[in-house]
Amino acid sequence: MSTPATTSTDLFLDVRGITKRFGDNTVLAGVDLAVPRGSVITVLGKSGTGKSVFLKCLAGIVRPDAGEIRFDGHVLNAGNADARAEFRRRCSYLFQSNALLDSLTALENVALPLEQTTQIPNREIRERSLEALRQLDLEKHRDRFPGQLSGGMQKRLALARAIVTRPELVLFDEPTAGLDPLRRNAVFEMIVKYQRQFGFTALLVTHDLPEALAASDQVALLNGGRMQFQGTPEAFNESANPIVCAFRDSAGALRDTIAALRRGEIIQSEED
């Protein structure tokens, strides 16, 4: 695996050898990832390669079978309750489906993490929630329910809820799933804009290659249960790794195949 020149002291999140099996199916077979503080890192991979499982292992939603996760120098494991609690306090998770509660208004959705995880007064919760909505241009929609908002506004609302606790690390699970190209661009722009504004470290998983290369400081490629590459977008584009090439150049290969079909050439399928 190609890895960037990053020392362990620079790392905010250091993942080594994460393994996860479901029955006889090994989804993660020793995954490593280095996440420098204040960066935007994107984990790429085809659908079904285990990207979301990997993110859930980091967040503690799914327990890995083996491996080590080190957050800001502290190992996260079941036996280290204090480190896990500290991680939850300093980290937010943006679900693929947004996970907004339809029965709560925009303001109530944003306030919920503060109500559940802090002891601050209700007045301060409201002020901080309104400020989060204001920062994402949603304050005038504070009394609307999620179903009354557009898809892009729902994404911004989910991000407002994620940042209201002032996290240092935000995990994004397929943030552009189901969106058209223009809305995908808008979501990546939003992530980079607010990452720069608030200074959090962002870790995304996606299969949207062009957008990820444009938005990320580093990208990593998950394939076959392992990270096959980690480095800058420029290094990714120049990599001769055949696994990287197959993922990176798939659009070009499709264009060549379609062109050959239109010329009437015989194309033998891989299944033959």
C-alpha atoms as a PDB file:
ATOM      1  CA  MET A   1       0.000   0.000   0.000  1.00  0.00           C
ATOM      2  CA  SER A   2       1.257   3.485  -0.833  1.00  0.00           C
ATOM      3  CA  THR A   3       1.142   5.665   2.284  1.00  0.00           C
ATOM      4  CA  PRO A   4       1.883   9.349   2.882  1.00  0.00           C
ATOM      5  CA  ALA A   5       4.914  10.475   4.840  1.00  0.00           C
ATOM      6  CA  THR A   6       3.149  11.140   8.140  1.00  0.00           C
ATOM      7  CA  THR A   7       4.693  10.534  11.542  1.00  0.00           C
ATOM      8  CA  SER A   8       2.671   8.974  14.358  1.00  0.00           C
ATOM      9  CA  THR A   9       2.811  12.253  16.283  1.00  0.00           C
ATOM     10  CA  ASP A  10       0.975  14.015  13.429  1.00  0.00           C
ATOM     11  CA  LEU A  11      -1.920  11.571  13.447  1.00  0.00           C
ATOM     12  CA  PHE A  12      -5.290  12.348  14.954  1.00  0.00           C
ATOM     13  CA  LEU A  13      -6.648   8.908  14.077  1.00  0.00           C
ATOM     14  CA  ASP A  14      -4.347   5.933  13.554  1.00  0.00           C
ATOM     15  CA  VAL A  15      -5.995   2.677  12.447  1.00  0.00           C
ATOM     16  CA  ARG A  16      -4.030  -0.555  12.246  1.00  0.00           C
ATOM     17  CA  GLY A  17      -5.061  -4.055  11.261  1.00  0.00           C
ATOM     18  CA  ILE A  18      -8.837  -3.689  11.652  1.00  0.00           C
ATOM     19  CA  THR A  19     -10.580  -6.985  10.924  1.00  0.00           C
ATOM     20  CA  LYS A  20     -14.304  -7.683  10.802  1.00  0.00           C
ATOM     21  CA  ARG A  21     -16.101 -10.888   9.882  1.00  0.00           C
ATOM     22  CA  PHE A  22     -19.779 -11.674   9.585  1.00  0.00           C
ATOM     23  CA  GLY A  23     -20.014 -15.438   9.767  1.00  0.00           C
ATOM     24  CA  ASP A  24     -17.773 -16.823   7.035  1.00  0.00           C
ATOM     25  CA  ASN A  25     -17.610 -13.485   5.243  1.00  0.00           C
ATOM     26  CA  THR A  26     -14.484 -11.464   6.000  1.00  0.00           C
ATOM     27  CA  VAL A  27     -15.364  -7.857   5.175  1.00  0.00           C
ATOM     28  CA  LEU A  28     -12.250  -6.192   6.609  1.00  0.00           C
ATOM     29  CA  ALA A  29      -9.024  -8.194   6.547  1.00  0.00           C
ATOM     30  CA  GLY A  30      -6.512  -5.964   8.299  1.00  0.00           C
ATOM     31  CA  VAL A  31      -7.291  -2.353   7.360  1.00  0.00           C
ATOM     32  CA  ASP A  32      -4.795   0.437   8.065  1.00  0.00           C
ATOM     33  CA  LEU A  33      -5.490   4.159   7.795  1.00  0.00           C
ATOM     34  CA  ALA A  34      -3.585   7.260   8.900  1.00  0.00           C
ATOM     35  CA  VAL A  35      -5.640  10.434   9.441  1.00  0.00           C
ATOM     36  CA  PRO A  36      -3.664  13.646  10.091  1.00  0.00           C
ATOM     37  CA  ARG A  37      -5.307  16.279  12.279  1.00  0.00           C
ATOM     38  CA  GLY A  38      -7.241  18.947  10.393  1.00  0.00           C
ATOM     39  CA  SER A  39      -7.354  17.045   7.103  1.00  0.00           C
ATOM     40  CA  VAL A  40     -10.076  15.812   4.754  1.00  0.00           C
ATOM     41  CA  ILE A  41      -9.524  12.093   4.113  1.00  0.00           C
ATOM     42  CA  THR A  42     -11.753  10.062   1.809  1.00  0.00           C
ATOM     43  CA  VAL A  43     -11.933   6.277   1.714  1.00  0.00           C
ATOM     44  CA  LEU A  44     -12.912   5.154  -1.770  1.00  0.00           C
ATOM     45  CA  GLY A  45     -14.163   1.788  -2.937  1.00  0.00           C
ATOM     46  CA  LYS A  46     -16.801  -0.006  -4.912  1.00  0.00           C
ATOM     47  CA  SER A  47     -20.230  -0.597  -3.392  1.00  0.00           C
ATOM     48  CA  GLY A  48     -20.149  -3.554  -1.009  1.00  0.00           C
ATOM     49  CA  THR A  49     -16.432  -3.359  -0.215  1.00  0.00           C
ATOM     50  CA  GLY A  50     -17.005  -2.626   3.474  1.00  0.00           C
ATOM     51  CA  LYS A  51     -16.497   1.147   3.578  1.00  0.00           C
ATOM     52  CA  SER A  52     -19.495   1.772   5.823  1.00  0.00           C
ATOM     53  CA  VAL A  53     -18.599  -1.205   8.021  1.00  0.00           C
ATOM     54  CA  PHE A  54     -15.123   0.282   8.442  1.00  0.00           C
ATOM     55  CA  LEU A  55     -16.563   3.650   9.448  1.00  0.00           C
ATOM     56  CA  LYS A  56     -18.953   2.003  11.921  1.00  0.00           C
ATOM     57  CA  CYS A  57     -16.002   0.147  13.471  1.00  0.00           C
ATOM     58  CA  LEU A  58     -14.253   3.470  14.017  1.00  0.00           C
ATOM     59  CA  ALA A  59     -17.377   5.003  15.548  1.00  0.00           C
ATOM     60  CA  GLY A  60     -17.957   2.053  17.873  1.00  0.00           C
ATOM     61  CA  ILE A  61     -21.278   1.175  16.238  1.00  0.00           C
ATOM     62  CA  VAL A  62     -19.783  -2.159  15.122  1.00  0.00           C
ATOM     63  CA  ARG A  63     -17.105  -3.887  17.186  1.00  0.00           C
ATOM     64  CA  PRO A  64     -14.099  -5.060  15.118  1.00  0.00           C
ATOM     65  CA  ASP A  65     -12.776  -8.575  15.661  1.00  0.00           C
ATOM     66  CA  ALA A  66      -9.148  -7.480  15.744  1.00  0.00           C
ATOM     67  CA  GLY A  67      -6.919  -4.477  15.248  1.00  0.00           C
ATOM     68  CA  GLU A  68      -6.187  -1.197  16.975  1.00  0.00           C
ATOM     69  CA  ILE A  69      -7.787   2.244  16.729  1.00  0.00           C
ATOM     70  CA  ARG A  70      -5.784   5.071  18.277  1.00  0.00           C
ATOM     71  CA  PHE A  71      -7.496   8.468  18.656  1.00  0.00           C
ATOM     72  CA  ASP A  72      -5.316  11.435  19.589  1.00  0.00           C
ATOM     73  CA  GLY A  73      -2.761   9.036  21.032  1.00  0.00           C
ATOM     74  CA  HIS A  74      -5.186   6.904  23.062  1.00  0.00           C
ATOM     75  CA  VAL A  75      -6.191   3.354  22.180  1.00  0.00           C
ATOM     76  CA  LEU A  76      -9.938   2.824  21.777  1.00  0.00           C
ATOM     77  CA  ASN A  77     -11.106  -0.574  22.936  1.00  0.00           C
ATOM     78  CA  ALA A  78     -13.863  -2.118  24.995  1.00  0.00           C
ATOM     79  CA  GLY A  79     -11.662  -2.108  28.083  1.00  0.00           C
ATOM     80  CA  ASN A  80     -10.847   1.581  27.894  1.00  0.00           C
ATOM     81  CA  ALA A  81     -14.183   3.167  28.722  1.00  0.00           C
ATOM     82  CA  ASP A  82     -12.693   6.593  29.420  1.00  0.00           C
ATOM     83  CA  ALA A  83     -11.008   6.791  26.000  1.00  0.00           C
ATOM     84  CA  ARG A  84     -14.215   5.667  24.293  1.00  0.00           C
ATOM     85  CA  ALA A  85     -16.253   8.287  26.153  1.00  0.00           C
ATOM     86  CA  GLU A  86     -13.725  10.951  25.207  1.00  0.00           C
ATOM     87  CA  PHE A  87     -13.916   9.849  21.568  1.00  0.00           C
ATOM     88  CA  ARG A  88     -17.717  10.063  21.546  1.00  0.00           C
ATOM     89  CA  ARG A  89     -17.547  13.529  23.075  1.00  0.00           C
ATOM     90  CA  ARG A  90     -15.132  14.804  20.431  1.00  0.00           C
ATOM     91  CA  CYS A  91     -16.533  12.993  17.386  1.00  0.00           C
ATOM     92  CA  SER A  92     -19.741  13.242  15.321  1.00  0.00           C
ATOM     93  CA  TYR A  93     -21.166  10.788  12.805  1.00  0.00           C
ATOM     94  CA  LEU A  94     -23.123  11.840   9.721  1.00  0.00           C
ATOM     95  CA  PHE A  95     -25.260   8.890   8.651  1.00  0.00           C
ATOM     96  CA  GLN A  96     -25.812   7.977   5.008  1.00  0.00           C
ATOM     97  CA  SER A  97     -29.575   8.428   5.448  1.00  0.00           C
ATOM     98  CA  ASN A  98     -29.121  11.668   7.466  1.00  0.00           C
ATOM     99  CA  ALA A  99     -31.027   9.948  10.354  1.00  0.00           C
ATOM    100  CA  LEU A 100     -33.163  13.029  10.952  1.00  0.00           C
ATOM    101  CA  LEU A 101     -36.241  12.576  13.131  1.00  0.00           C
ATOM    102  CA  ASP A 102     -39.333  13.426  11.100  1.00  0.00           C
ATOM    103  CA  SER A 103     -41.368  14.235  14.210  1.00  0.00           C
ATOM    104  CA  LEU A 104     -38.930  16.980  15.302  1.00  0.00           C
ATOM    105  CA  THR A 105     -38.446  20.406  13.776  1.00  0.00           C
ATOM    106  CA  ALA A 106     -35.101  21.438  12.314  1.00  0.00           C
ATOM    107  CA  LEU A 107     -34.221  23.243  15.539  1.00  0.00           C
ATOM    108  CA  GLU A 108     -35.232  20.268  17.679  1.00  0.00           C
ATOM    109  CA  ASN A 109     -33.188  17.884  15.520  1.00  0.00           C
ATOM    110  CA  VAL A 110     -30.092  20.022  15.957  1.00  0.00           C
ATOM    111  CA  ALA A 111     -30.625  20.444  19.701  1.00  0.00           C
ATOM    112  CA  LEU A 112     -31.032  16.711  20.329  1.00  0.00           C
ATOM    113  CA  PRO A 113     -27.307  15.784  20.646  1.00  0.00           C
ATOM    114  CA  LEU A 114     -26.767  18.568  23.180  1.00  0.00           C
ATOM    115  CA  GLU A 115     -29.820  17.464  25.167  1.00  0.00           C
ATOM    116  CA  GLN A 116     -28.625  13.859  25.190  1.00  0.00           C
ATOM    117  CA  THR A 117     -24.918  14.303  25.829  1.00  0.00           C
ATOM    118  CA  THR A 118     -24.488  17.493  27.887  1.00  0.00           C
ATOM    119  CA  GLN A 119     -25.756  19.132  31.051  1.00  0.00           C
ATOM    120  CA  ILE A 120     -25.794  22.659  29.681  1.00  0.00           C
ATOM    121  CA  PRO A 121     -28.896  24.813  30.334  1.00  0.00           C
ATOM    122  CA  ASN A 122     -31.801  24.738  27.892  1.00  0.00           C
ATOM    123  CA  ARG A 123     -31.263  28.385  26.987  1.00  0.00           C
ATOM    124  CA  GLU A 124     -27.670  27.709  25.902  1.00  0.00           C
ATOM    125  CA  ILE A 125     -28.770  24.614  23.983  1.00  0.00           C
ATOM    126  CA  ARG A 126     -31.231  26.747  22.031  1.00  0.00           C
ATOM    127  CA  GLU A 127     -28.640  29.466  21.367  1.00  0.00           C
ATOM    128  CA  ARG A 128     -26.035  26.985  20.150  1.00  0.00           C
ATOM    129  CA  SER A 129     -28.585  25.153  18.003  1.00  0.00           C
ATOM    130  CA  LEU A 130     -29.771  28.386  16.391  1.00  0.00           C
ATOM    131  CA  GLU A 131     -26.157  29.371  15.758  1.00  0.00           C
ATOM    132  CA  ALA A 132     -25.499  26.036  14.016  1.00  0.00           C
ATOM    133  CA  LEU A 133     -28.573  26.563  11.831  1.00  0.00           C
ATOM    134  CA  ARG A 134     -27.462  30.124  11.105  1.00  0.00           C
ATOM    135  CA  GLN A 135     -23.988  28.997  10.068  1.00  0.00           C
ATOM    136  CA  LEU A 136     -25.507  26.627   7.523  1.00  0.00           C
ATOM    137  CA  ASP A 137     -28.103  29.129   6.278  1.00  0.00           C
ATOM    138  CA  LEU A 138     -31.034  27.250   7.810  1.00  0.00           C
ATOM    139  CA  GLU A 139     -32.154  29.554  10.623  1.00  0.00           C
ATOM    140  CA  LYS A 140     -35.298  30.694   8.806  1.00  0.00           C
ATOM    141  CA  HIS A 141     -36.331  27.039   8.446  1.00  0.00           C
ATOM    142  CA  ARG A 142     -35.909  26.243  12.141  1.00  0.00           C
ATOM    143  CA  ASP A 143     -39.607  25.437  12.666  1.00  0.00           C
ATOM    144  CA  ARG A 144     -39.932  23.222   9.598  1.00  0.00           C
ATOM    145  CA  PHE A 145     -39.867  19.445   9.722  1.00  0.00           C
ATOM    146  CA  PRO A 146     -37.322  17.441   7.678  1.00  0.00           C
ATOM    147  CA  GLY A 147     -40.000  16.329   5.218  1.00  0.00           C
ATOM    148  CA  GLN A 148     -40.624  19.977   4.362  1.00  0.00           C
ATOM    149  CA  LEU A 149     -36.986  20.529   3.346  1.00  0.00           C
ATOM    150  CA  SER A 150     -35.220  19.728   0.080  1.00  0.00           C
ATOM    151  CA  GLY A 151     -32.624  16.942  -0.102  1.00  0.00           C
ATOM    152  CA  GLY A 152     -29.753  19.419  -0.012  1.00  0.00           C
ATOM    153  CA  MET A 153     -31.251  21.247   2.952  1.00  0.00           C
ATOM    154  CA  GLN A 154     -31.662  17.957   4.792  1.00  0.00           C
ATOM    155  CA  LYS A 155     -27.943  17.277   4.253  1.00  0.00           C
ATOM    156  CA  ARG A 156     -27.126  20.699   5.680  1.00  0.00           C
ATOM    157  CA  LEU A 157     -29.459  20.069   8.601  1.00  0.00           C
ATOM    158  CA  ALA A 158     -27.725  16.762   9.324  1.00  0.00           C
ATOM    159  CA  LEU A 159     -24.375  18.562   9.224  1.00  0.00           C
ATOM    160  CA  ALA A 160     -25.703  21.288  11.552  1.00  0.00           C
ATOM    161  CA  ARG A 161     -26.661  18.571  14.022  1.00  0.00           C
ATOM    162  CA  ALA A 162     -23.235  16.961  13.612  1.00  0.00           C
ATOM    163  CA  ILE A 163     -21.311  20.193  14.326  1.00  0.00           C
ATOM    164  CA  VAL A 164     -23.494  21.583  17.126  1.00  0.00           C
ATOM    165  CA  THR A 165     -21.442  19.651  19.691  1.00  0.00           C
ATOM    166  CA  ARG A 166     -18.316  21.311  18.250  1.00  0.00           C
ATOM    167  CA  PRO A 167     -16.610  18.034  17.331  1.00  0.00           C
ATOM    168  CA  GLU A 168     -12.971  17.681  16.381  1.00  0.00           C
ATOM    169  CA  LEU A 169     -13.628  14.699  14.097  1.00  0.00           C
ATOM    170  CA  VAL A 170     -16.639  14.179  11.805  1.00  0.00           C
ATOM    171  CA  LEU A 171     -17.268  10.826  10.118  1.00  0.00           C
ATOM    172  CA  PHE A 172     -19.297  11.008   6.884  1.00  0.00           C
ATOM    173  CA  ASP A 173     -20.938   7.776   5.684  1.00  0.00           C
ATOM    174  CA  GLU A 174     -21.662   8.050   1.924  1.00  0.00           C
ATOM    175  CA  PRO A 175     -22.751  11.708   2.256  1.00  0.00           C
ATOM    176  CA  THR A 176     -23.843  11.928  -1.401  1.00  0.00           C
ATOM    177  CA  ALA A 177     -25.764   8.638  -1.651  1.00  0.00           C
ATOM    178  CA  GLY A 178     -28.755   8.954  -3.957  1.00  0.00           C
ATOM    179  CA  LEU A 179     -27.972  12.509  -5.083  1.00  0.00           C
ATOM    180  CA  ASP A 180     -27.642  13.741  -8.659  1.00  0.00           C
ATOM    181  CA  PRO A 181     -24.251  15.096  -9.873  1.00  0.00           C
ATOM    182  CA  LEU A 182     -24.995  18.746  -9.109  1.00  0.00           C
ATOM    183  CA  ARG A 183     -26.145  17.958  -5.581  1.00  0.00           C
ATOM    184  CA  ARG A 184     -23.131  15.678  -5.076  1.00  0.00           C
ATOM    185  CA  ASN A 185     -20.874  18.607  -5.949  1.00  0.00           C
ATOM    186  CA  ALA A 186     -22.777  20.843  -3.549  1.00  0.00           C
ATOM    187  CA  VAL A 187     -22.379  18.373  -0.669  1.00  0.00           C
ATOM    188  CA  PHE A 188     -18.614  18.052  -1.178  1.00  0.00           C
ATOM    189  CA  GLU A 189     -18.329  21.843  -1.400  1.00  0.00           C
ATOM    190  CA  MET A 190     -20.306  22.115   1.830  1.00  0.00           C
ATOM    191  CA  ILE A 191     -18.054  19.627   3.628  1.00  0.00           C
ATOM    192  CA  VAL A 192     -14.850  21.391   2.580  1.00  0.00           C
ATOM    193  CA  LYS A 193     -16.277  24.853   3.332  1.00  0.00           C
ATOM    194  CA  TYR A 194     -17.337  24.002   6.859  1.00  0.00           C
ATOM    195  CA  GLN A 195     -14.295  21.847   7.555  1.00  0.00           C
ATOM    196  CA  ARG A 196     -12.173  24.901   6.804  1.00  0.00           C
ATOM    197  CA  GLN A 197     -14.494  27.179   8.774  1.00  0.00           C
ATOM    198  CA  PHE A 198     -14.718  25.046  11.910  1.00  0.00           C
ATOM    199  CA  GLY A 199     -11.370  23.240  11.704  1.00  0.00           C
ATOM    200  CA  PHE A 200     -12.590  19.708  12.317  1.00  0.00           C
ATOM    201  CA  THR A 201     -10.945  16.641  10.818  1.00  0.00           C
ATOM    202  CA  ALA A 202     -13.180  15.006   8.199  1.00  0.00           C
ATOM    203  CA  LEU A 203     -13.188  11.315   7.286  1.00  0.00           C
ATOM    204  CA  LEU A 204     -15.523  10.316   4.461  1.00  0.00           C
ATOM    205  CA  VAL A 205     -16.381   7.061   2.742  1.00  0.00           C
ATOM    206  CA  THR A 206     -17.755   7.224  -0.791  1.00  0.00           C
ATOM    207  CA  HIS A 207     -17.506   5.761  -4.287  1.00  0.00           C
ATOM    208  CA  ASP A 208     -17.776   9.199  -5.949  1.00  0.00           C
ATOM    209  CA  LEU A 209     -14.280   9.370  -7.404  1.00  0.00           C
ATOM    210  CA  PRO A 210     -14.073  12.758  -9.206  1.00  0.00           C
ATOM    211  CA  GLU A 211     -15.642  14.688  -6.348  1.00  0.00           C
ATOM    212  CA  ALA A 212     -13.476  12.964  -3.742  1.00  0.00           C
ATOM    213  CA  LEU A 213     -10.276  13.701  -5.654  1.00  0.00           C
ATOM    214  CA  ALA A 214     -11.240  17.369  -5.898  1.00  0.00           C
ATOM    215  CA  ALA A 215     -12.230  17.762  -2.238  1.00  0.00           C
ATOM    216  CA  SER A 216      -9.737  15.617  -0.306  1.00  0.00           C
ATOM    217  CA  ASP A 217      -6.280  16.185   1.083  1.00  0.00           C
ATOM    218  CA  GLN A 218      -5.710  12.439   0.845  1.00  0.00           C
ATOM    219  CA  VAL A 219      -7.626   9.473  -0.527  1.00  0.00           C
ATOM    220  CA  ALA A 220      -7.451   5.797   0.345  1.00  0.00           C
ATOM    221  CA  LEU A 221      -8.745   2.835  -1.666  1.00  0.00           C
ATOM    222  CA  LEU A 222     -10.415  -0.086   0.107  1.00  0.00           C
ATOM    223  CA  ASN A 223     -10.498  -3.293  -1.921  1.00  0.00           C
ATOM    224  CA  GLY A 224     -10.429  -6.946  -0.974  1.00  0.00           C
ATOM    225  CA  GLY A 225     -10.727  -6.117   2.715  1.00  0.00           C
ATOM    226  CA  ARG A 226      -7.551  -4.010   2.784  1.00  0.00           C
ATOM    227  CA  MET A 227      -6.426  -0.498   2.007  1.00  0.00           C
ATOM    228  CA  GLN A 228      -4.653  -0.834  -1.314  1.00  0.00           C
ATOM    229  CA  PHE A 229      -3.539   2.799  -1.429  1.00  0.00           C
ATOM    230  CA  GLN A 230      -3.346   5.948   0.670  1.00  0.00           C
ATOM    231  CA  GLY A 231      -1.904   9.217  -0.556  1.00  0.00           C
ATOM    232  CA  THR A 232      -2.629  12.528  -2.210  1.00  0.00           C
ATOM    233  CA  PRO A 233      -5.088  12.803  -5.107  1.00  0.00           C
ATOM    234  CA  GLU A 234      -2.103  13.559  -7.361  1.00  0.00           C
ATOM    235  CA  ALA A 235      -0.355  10.351  -6.298  1.00  0.00           C
ATOM    236  CA  PHE A 236      -3.596   8.428  -6.815  1.00  0.00           C
ATOM    237  CA  ASN A 237      -3.878   9.729 -10.372  1.00  0.00           C
ATOM    238  CA  GLU A 238      -0.274   8.771 -11.089  1.00  0.00           C
ATOM    239  CA  SER A 239      -0.333   5.362  -9.375  1.00  0.00           C
ATOM    240  CA  ALA A 240       0.519   2.293 -11.454  1.00  0.00           C
ATOM    241  CA  ASN A 241      -1.025  -0.059  -8.873  1.00  0.00           C
ATOM    242  CA  PRO A 242      -3.311  -2.304 -10.968  1.00  0.00           C
ATOM    243  CA  ILE A 243      -6.088  -2.192  -8.347  1.00  0.00           C
ATOM    244  CA  VAL A 244      -5.957   1.600  -8.292  1.00  0.00           C
ATOM    245  CA  CYS A 245      -5.884   1.704 -12.092  1.00  0.00           C
ATOM    246  CA  ALA A 246      -8.933  -0.559 -12.393  1.00  0.00           C
ATOM    247  CA  PHE A 247     -10.954   1.665 -10.052  1.00  0.00           C
ATOM    248  CA  ARG A 248      -9.617   4.993 -11.341  1.00  0.00           C
ATOM    249  CA  ASP A 249      -9.845   4.183 -15.035  1.00  0.00           C
ATOM    250  CA  SER A 250     -13.182   2.357 -15.044  1.00  0.00           C
ATOM    251  CA  ALA A 251     -14.991   5.251 -16.753  1.00  0.00           C
ATOM    252  CA  GLY A 252     -12.441   5.282 -19.564  1.00  0.00           C
ATOM    253  CA  ALA A 253     -12.694   1.504 -19.944  1.00  0.00           C
ATOM    254  CA  LEU A 254     -16.474   1.810 -20.204  1.00  0.00           C
ATOM    255  CA  ARG A 255     -16.141   4.459 -22.916  1.00  0.00           C
ATOM    256  CA  ASP A 256     -13.791   2.189 -24.878  1.00  0.00           C
ATOM    257  CA  THR A 257     -16.178  -0.756 -24.549  1.00  0.00           C
ATOM    258  CA  ILE A 258     -19.190   1.282 -25.671  1.00  0.00           C
ATOM    259  CA  ALA A 259     -17.226   2.657 -28.618  1.00  0.00           C
ATOM    260  CA  ALA A 260     -16.244  -0.865 -29.645  1.00  0.00           C
ATOM    261  CA  LEU A 261     -19.844  -2.045 -29.369  1.00  0.00           C
ATOM    262  CA  ARG A 262     -20.996   0.814 -31.576  1.00  0.00           C
ATOM    263  CA  ARG A 263     -18.373  -0.112 -34.156  1.00  0.00           C
ATOM    264  CA  GLY A 264     -19.844  -3.605 -34.222  1.00  0.00           C
ATOM    265  CA  GLU A 265     -16.787  -5.305 -32.761  1.00  0.00           C
ATOM    266  CA  ILE A 266     -17.303  -8.578 -30.896  1.00  0.00           C
ATOM    267  CA  ILE A 267     -16.883  -8.113 -27.160  1.00  0.00           C
ATOM    268  CA  GLN A 268     -16.375 -11.265 -25.116  1.00  0.00           C
ATOM    269  CA  SER A 269     -17.827 -10.901 -21.643  1.00  0.00           C
ATOM    270  CA  GLU A 270     -15.772 -11.844 -18.602  1.00  0.00           C
ATOM    271  CA  GLU A 271     -18.370 -14.507 -17.771  1.00  0.00           C
ATOM    272  CA  ASP A 272     -17.736 -16.413 -21.029  1.00  0.00           C
END
